[in-house]
Structures are given as structure tokens and as C-alpha cells.
C-alpha atoms as a PDB file:
ATOM      1  CA  MET A   1      47.922 108.149  16.435  1.00  0.00           C
ATOM      2  CA  ASN A   2      45.061 105.997  15.093  1.00  0.00           C
ATOM      3  CA  LYS A   3      45.454 103.570  17.990  1.00  0.00           C
ATOM      4  CA  ARG A   4      45.189 106.420  20.469  1.00  0.00           C
ATOM      5  CA  MET A   5      42.161 107.911  18.701  1.00  0.00           C
ATOM      6  CA  SER A   6      40.317 104.591  18.723  1.00  0.00           C
ATOM      7  CA  ALA A   7      41.202 104.071  22.387  1.00  0.00           C
ATOM      8  CA  LEU A   8      39.874 107.558  23.166  1.00  0.00           C
ATOM      9  CA  LYS A   9      36.713 106.924  21.158  1.00  0.00           C
ATOM     10  CA  PHE A  10      36.218 103.682  23.064  1.00  0.00           C
ATOM     11  CA  ALA A  11      36.796 105.509  26.376  1.00  0.00           C
ATOM     12  CA  LEU A  12      34.216 108.161  25.398  1.00  0.00           C
ATOM     13  CA  GLU A  13      31.605 105.527  24.580  1.00  0.00           C
ATOM     14  CA  ASN A  14      32.418 103.666  27.790  1.00  0.00           C
ATOM     15  CA  GLU A  15      32.076 106.728  30.006  1.00  0.00           C
ATOM     16  CA  LEU A  16      28.614 107.420  28.536  1.00  0.00           C
ATOM     17  CA  LYS A  17      27.460 103.800  28.863  1.00  0.00           C
ATOM     18  CA  GLU A  18      28.741 103.614  32.412  1.00  0.00           C
ATOM     19  CA  ARG A  19      27.058 106.882  33.374  1.00  0.00           C
ATOM     20  CA  ASP A  20      23.711 105.623  32.013  1.00  0.00           C
ATOM     21  CA  PHE A  21      24.217 102.358  33.885  1.00  0.00           C
ATOM     22  CA  TYR A  22      24.943 104.168  37.165  1.00  0.00           C
ATOM     23  CA  LEU A  23      21.964 106.528  36.803  1.00  0.00           C
ATOM     24  CA  GLU A  24      19.613 103.642  35.962  1.00  0.00           C
ATOM     25  CA  ASN A  25      20.764 101.713  39.039  1.00  0.00           C
ATOM     26  CA  ALA A  26      20.588 104.789  41.273  1.00  0.00           C
ATOM     27  CA  ARG A  27      16.899 105.074  40.317  1.00  0.00           C
ATOM     28  CA  ARG A  28      16.264 101.351  40.723  1.00  0.00           C
ATOM     29  CA  THR A  29      17.856 100.502  44.074  1.00  0.00           C
ATOM     30  CA  LYS A  30      16.095 100.980  47.412  1.00  0.00           C
ATOM     31  CA  ASN A  31      19.382 100.848  49.321  1.00  0.00           C
ATOM     32  CA  LEU A  32      20.544 104.366  50.196  1.00  0.00           C
ATOM     33  CA  ALA A  33      24.253 103.516  50.151  1.00  0.00           C
ATOM     34  CA  GLY A  34      23.969 101.956  46.694  1.00  0.00           C
ATOM     35  CA  LYS A  35      21.820 104.835  45.442  1.00  0.00           C
ATOM     36  CA  ASN A  36      24.312 107.464  46.633  1.00  0.00           C
ATOM     37  CA  MET A  37      27.313 105.529  45.316  1.00  0.00           C
ATOM     38  CA  PHE A  38      25.738 105.136  41.876  1.00  0.00           C
ATOM     39  CA  LYS A  39      24.763 108.838  41.721  1.00  0.00           C
ATOM     40  CA  GLN A  40      28.231 110.021  42.745  1.00  0.00           C
ATOM     41  CA  ILE A  41      30.065 107.837  40.244  1.00  0.00           C
ATOM     42  CA  ALA A  42      27.587 108.822  37.487  1.00  0.00           C
ATOM     43  CA  GLU A  43      28.490 112.487  38.076  1.00  0.00           C
ATOM     44  CA  GLU A  44      32.195 111.710  37.939  1.00  0.00           C
ATOM     45  CA  GLU A  45      31.799 109.668  34.753  1.00  0.00           C
ATOM     46  CA  LYS A  46      30.009 112.652  33.177  1.00  0.00           C
ATOM     47  CA  GLU A  47      32.983 114.852  34.037  1.00  0.00           C
ATOM     48  CA  HIS A  48      35.395 112.303  32.533  1.00  0.00           C
ATOM     49  CA  TYR A  49      33.281 112.177  29.387  1.00  0.00           C
ATOM     50  CA  GLU A  50      33.350 115.991  29.010  1.00  0.00           C
ATOM     51  CA  MET A  51      37.159 116.103  29.417  1.00  0.00           C
ATOM     52  CA  LEU A  52      37.703 113.205  27.016  1.00  0.00           C
ATOM     53  CA  LYS A  53      35.376 114.841  24.465  1.00  0.00           C
ATOM     54  CA  ILE A  54      37.473 118.046  24.502  1.00  0.00           C
ATOM     55  CA  LEU A  55      40.630 115.979  24.224  1.00  0.00           C
ATOM     56  CA  TYR A  56      39.283 113.849  21.359  1.00  0.00           C
ATOM     57  CA  LYS A  57      38.084 116.862  19.382  1.00  0.00           C
ATOM     58  CA  THR A  58      41.384 118.720  19.818  1.00  0.00           C
ATOM     59  CA  TRP A  59      43.443 115.688  18.882  1.00  0.00           C
ATOM     60  CA  GLU A  60      41.271 115.116  15.834  1.00  0.00           C
ATOM     61  CA  GLU A  61      41.809 118.718  14.684  1.00  0.00           C
ATOM     62  CA  LYS A  62      45.445 119.330  15.681  1.00  0.00           C
ATOM     63  CA  LYS A  63      46.806 115.770  15.761  1.00  0.00           C
ATOM     64  CA  LYS A  64      48.517 116.392  19.107  1.00  0.00           C
ATOM     65  CA  TRP A  65      47.928 116.848  22.827  1.00  0.00           C
ATOM     66  CA  PRO A  66      46.141 120.165  23.454  1.00  0.00           C
ATOM     67  CA  ALA A  67      48.473 122.874  24.725  1.00  0.00           C
ATOM     68  CA  THR A  68      45.840 125.424  25.707  1.00  0.00           C
ATOM     69  CA  ILE A  69      42.879 123.418  26.991  1.00  0.00           C
ATOM     70  CA  PRO A  70      43.183 122.893  30.740  1.00  0.00           C
ATOM     71  CA  LEU A  71      42.455 119.208  31.272  1.00  0.00           C
ATOM     72  CA  LYS A  72      41.892 118.761  34.965  1.00  0.00           C
ATOM     73  CA  VAL A  73      39.642 116.224  36.632  1.00  0.00           C
ATOM     74  CA  ASN A  74      38.259 116.540  40.144  1.00  0.00           C
ATOM     75  CA  LYS A  75      39.216 113.968  42.748  1.00  0.00           C
ATOM     76  CA  SER A  76      36.678 111.186  43.230  1.00  0.00           C
ATOM     77  CA  LEU A  77      34.331 111.563  46.180  1.00  0.00           C
ATOM     78  CA  SER A  78      33.036 108.000  45.931  1.00  0.00           C
ATOM     79  CA  SER A  79      35.102 106.832  48.903  1.00  0.00           C
ATOM     80  CA  ASN A  80      33.206 109.268  51.165  1.00  0.00           C
ATOM     81  CA  ILE A  81      29.772 107.759  50.446  1.00  0.00           C
ATOM     82  CA  LEU A  82      29.580 104.898  52.939  1.00  0.00           C
ATOM     83  CA  GLN A  83      30.932 106.537  56.134  1.00  0.00           C
ATOM     84  CA  PRO A  84      27.883 108.724  56.848  1.00  0.00           C
ATOM     85  CA  MET A  85      25.512 105.813  56.126  1.00  0.00           C
ATOM     86  CA  SER A  86      25.850 104.116  59.507  1.00  0.00           C
ATOM     87  CA  GLY A  87      23.039 106.052  61.181  1.00  0.00           C
ATOM     88  CA  LYS A  88      20.629 106.136  58.245  1.00  0.00           C
ATOM     89  CA  LYS A  89      17.662 103.797  58.144  1.00  0.00           C
ATOM     90  CA  GLY A  90      17.711 103.527  54.328  1.00  0.00           C
ATOM     91  CA  ALA A  91      21.278 102.229  54.496  1.00  0.00           C
ATOM     92  CA  ARG A  92      20.143  99.247  56.564  1.00  0.00           C
ATOM     93  CA  ILE A  93      18.098  97.870  53.689  1.00  0.00           C
ATOM     94  CA  LYS A  94      20.202  94.889  52.670  1.00  0.00           C
ATOM     95  CA  GLY A  95      21.224  94.824  49.033  1.00  0.00           C
ATOM     96  CA  ASN A  96      19.164  92.501  46.849  1.00  0.00           C
ATOM     97  CA  ASP A  97      20.415  90.333  43.985  1.00  0.00           C
ATOM     98  CA  ASP A  98      19.877  93.134  41.449  1.00  0.00           C
ATOM     99  CA  ASP A  99      21.954  95.520  43.596  1.00  0.00           C
ATOM    100  CA  LEU A 100      24.773  93.008  43.900  1.00  0.00           C
ATOM    101  CA  LYS A 101      24.689  92.210  40.187  1.00  0.00           C
ATOM    102  CA  ALA A 102      24.862  95.952  39.402  1.00  0.00           C
ATOM    103  CA  ILE A 103      27.747  96.509  41.838  1.00  0.00           C
ATOM    104  CA  ARG A 104      29.674  93.557  40.401  1.00  0.00           C
ATOM    105  CA  THR A 105      29.076  94.784  36.840  1.00  0.00           C
ATOM    106  CA  ALA A 106      30.277  98.234  37.917  1.00  0.00           C
ATOM    107  CA  ILE A 107      33.403  96.716  39.509  1.00  0.00           C
ATOM    108  CA  ASP A 108      34.156  95.099  36.151  1.00  0.00           C
ATOM    109  CA  PHE A 109      33.591  98.428  34.317  1.00  0.00           C
ATOM    110  CA  GLU A 110      36.012 100.232  36.602  1.00  0.00           C
ATOM    111  CA  ALA A 111      38.660  97.496  36.330  1.00  0.00           C
ATOM    112  CA  ARG A 112      38.503  97.755  32.531  1.00  0.00           C
ATOM    113  CA  GLY A 113      38.656 101.572  32.734  1.00  0.00           C
ATOM    114  CA  MET A 114      41.730 101.374  34.951  1.00  0.00           C
ATOM    115  CA  ALA A 115      43.414  99.045  32.457  1.00  0.00           C
ATOM    116  CA  LEU A 116      42.546 101.257  29.468  1.00  0.00           C
ATOM    117  CA  TYR A 117      43.798 104.495  31.036  1.00  0.00           C
ATOM    118  CA  THR A 118      46.946 102.779  32.326  1.00  0.00           C
ATOM    119  CA  LYS A 119      47.612 101.502  28.795  1.00  0.00           C
ATOM    120  CA  LEU A 120      47.104 105.015  27.367  1.00  0.00           C
ATOM    121  CA  GLU A 121      49.418 106.443  30.034  1.00  0.00           C
ATOM    122  CA  GLU A 122      52.123 103.880  29.297  1.00  0.00           C
ATOM    123  CA  GLY A 123      51.825 104.480  25.538  1.00  0.00           C
ATOM    124  CA  SER A 124      52.328 108.209  25.889  1.00  0.00           C
ATOM    125  CA  THR A 125      55.543 110.217  25.733  1.00  0.00           C
ATOM    126  CA  ASP A 126      54.063 113.648  26.522  1.00  0.00           C
ATOM    127  CA  PRO A 127      54.365 114.321  30.301  1.00  0.00           C
ATOM    128  CA  LYS A 128      51.011 116.183  30.466  1.00  0.00           C
ATOM    129  CA  GLU A 129      49.288 113.408  28.568  1.00  0.00           C
ATOM    130  CA  LYS A 130      50.872 110.766  30.834  1.00  0.00           C
ATOM    131  CA  ALA A 131      49.778 112.675  33.948  1.00  0.00           C
ATOM    132  CA  PHE A 132      46.200 113.035  32.659  1.00  0.00           C
ATOM    133  CA  PHE A 133      45.760 109.318  31.944  1.00  0.00           C
ATOM    134  CA  LYS A 134      47.455 108.420  35.224  1.00  0.00           C
ATOM    135  CA  LEU A 135      44.929 110.645  37.009  1.00  0.00           C
ATOM    136  CA  LEU A 136      41.987 109.002  35.201  1.00  0.00           C
ATOM    137  CA  ALA A 137      43.341 105.515  35.971  1.00  0.00           C
ATOM    138  CA  GLY A 138      43.658 106.529  39.629  1.00  0.00           C
ATOM    139  CA  ILE A 139      40.070 107.770  39.747  1.00  0.00           C
ATOM    140  CA  GLU A 140      38.814 104.565  38.142  1.00  0.00           C
ATOM    141  CA  ARG A 141      40.791 102.694  40.816  1.00  0.00           C
ATOM    142  CA  GLN A 142      39.072 104.764  43.537  1.00  0.00           C
ATOM    143  CA  HIS A 143      35.705 103.893  41.986  1.00  0.00           C
ATOM    144  CA  PHE A 144      36.753 100.226  41.901  1.00  0.00           C
ATOM    145  CA  MET A 145      37.754 100.248  45.594  1.00  0.00           C
ATOM    146  CA  SER A 146      34.604 102.136  46.645  1.00  0.00           C
ATOM    147  CA  LEU A 147      32.427  99.684  44.741  1.00  0.00           C
ATOM    148  CA  ARG A 148      34.217  96.726  46.372  1.00  0.00           C
ATOM    149  CA  GLU A 149      33.494  98.318  49.742  1.00  0.00           C
ATOM    150  CA  THR A 150      29.857  98.840  48.712  1.00  0.00           C
ATOM    151  CA  GLU A 151      29.688  95.171  47.714  1.00  0.00           C
ATOM    152  CA  GLU A 152      30.858  94.230  51.222  1.00  0.00           C
ATOM    153  CA  PHE A 153      28.392  96.688  52.745  1.00  0.00           C
ATOM    154  CA  LEU A 154      25.484  95.188  50.778  1.00  0.00           C
ATOM    155  CA  THR A 155      26.384  91.537  51.370  1.00  0.00           C
ATOM    156  CA  ASP A 156      27.375  91.752  55.023  1.00  0.00           C
ATOM    157  CA  PRO A 157      26.593  95.101  56.702  1.00  0.00           C
ATOM    158  CA  ALA A 158      27.554  93.800  60.173  1.00  0.00           C
ATOM    159  CA  SER A 159      31.077  92.862  59.053  1.00  0.00           C
ATOM    160  CA  TRP A 160      31.405  96.145  57.190  1.00  0.00           C
ATOM    161  CA  TYR A 161      30.504  98.112  60.349  1.00  0.00           C
ATOM    162  CA  GLN A 162      32.896  96.024  62.416  1.00  0.00           C
ATOM    163  CA  HIS A 163      35.640  96.591  59.840  1.00  0.00           C
ATOM    164  CA  MET A 164      34.957 100.360  59.862  1.00  0.00           C
ATOM    165  CA  GLU A 165      35.071 100.526  63.662  1.00  0.00           C
ATOM    166  CA  LYS A 166      38.333  98.543  64.004  1.00  0.00           C
ATOM    167  CA  THR A 167      40.336 101.711  64.362  1.00  0.00           C
ATOM    168  CA  SER A 168      38.402 102.600  67.498  1.00  0.00           C
ATOM    169  CA  LEU A 169      38.475  99.034  68.910  1.00  0.00           C
ATOM    170  CA  ASP A 170      42.264  98.767  69.113  1.00  0.00           C
ATOM    171  CA  GLY A 171      42.440 101.111  72.095  1.00  0.00           C
ATOM    172  CA  GLY A 172      44.673 103.554  70.188  1.00  0.00           C
END
């Protein structure tokens, strides 16, 4: 139980730190794609924090998985950020070194989040608890993949556009 509580406490602190990081970089960047990606993930991290806070408090009081608190997390929308960017002028501003550093730091955050939630899922015997941590790990994975795509978009927009249009180039 103590291991789980410290892992949850760590996850809570991480979600807050990450949210602050994303908001700070959303304000800083001039690139519209980066700005929108950071804002979207910041909102999702806030939601994760709120759910984990309820969970932590309940576990602290009752020493078990909450039976009555509905713990549901919305699906990540981060993967929808880049598609509508193709026609926007602000999206054509190439990412600078600060943008790339922020994206790469964020990729690392999400990889660590995935690992933590997967570990919590694997260490659980309660099916609802397992499902919850599996969901969080999946969302962190979506963030990770979206950020990797954003990294490609910022470093080589032409290749990113070509990659996105491949489905229409195959004649199918």
C-alpha cells in the first residue's frame, strides 16, 4: 500500500509540474501547432491531476480503491491538433531551438508517465484499478506519439506534410 501511495503522490506532483511546463511553453512559442499542442496536453494533465487527487484522498482515508467515485478520464485530443494546421500561416513558423527542446522534454515526461502508469497497472489486482491505470498509460502514450509528430512537424514541415498526404498519393 505504501508503495502505491508514494507512486500516486509522485504521479500527482508530476501531473502538476507537467501542466505548468505545457502552459509556460504554450505562452512562449510563436508556432501555432506547438502552442495548440501544449495547451491541449496541459488541459488533459489537469484532468489527470484532478482524478488522481480524488483517488489519492480516497485511498488515504479508506485504504482501498474507491467503490463509489466514478474515475473516468476523457480520451486525449492531442492527436487532432496537427491536421487542421496545414492551411494556417502561424503553423508555418518553423520551430526554434527552444520549441524543440520543450517538445523533447515533453516526450521524455510522457514516456516516464507511460512507464509509471503501466507499473501501477501491473502491480494492481483490482480490475477497476487496472483498467484506470491502463487508460492513463494509454493517454500518456497518445501524448507521446502526438509530441513525436509535433517534433517532426517543427523540424521538417515539408516531410511532415508529405507524410500526411501519403494516403492520397497512393491512388487509393
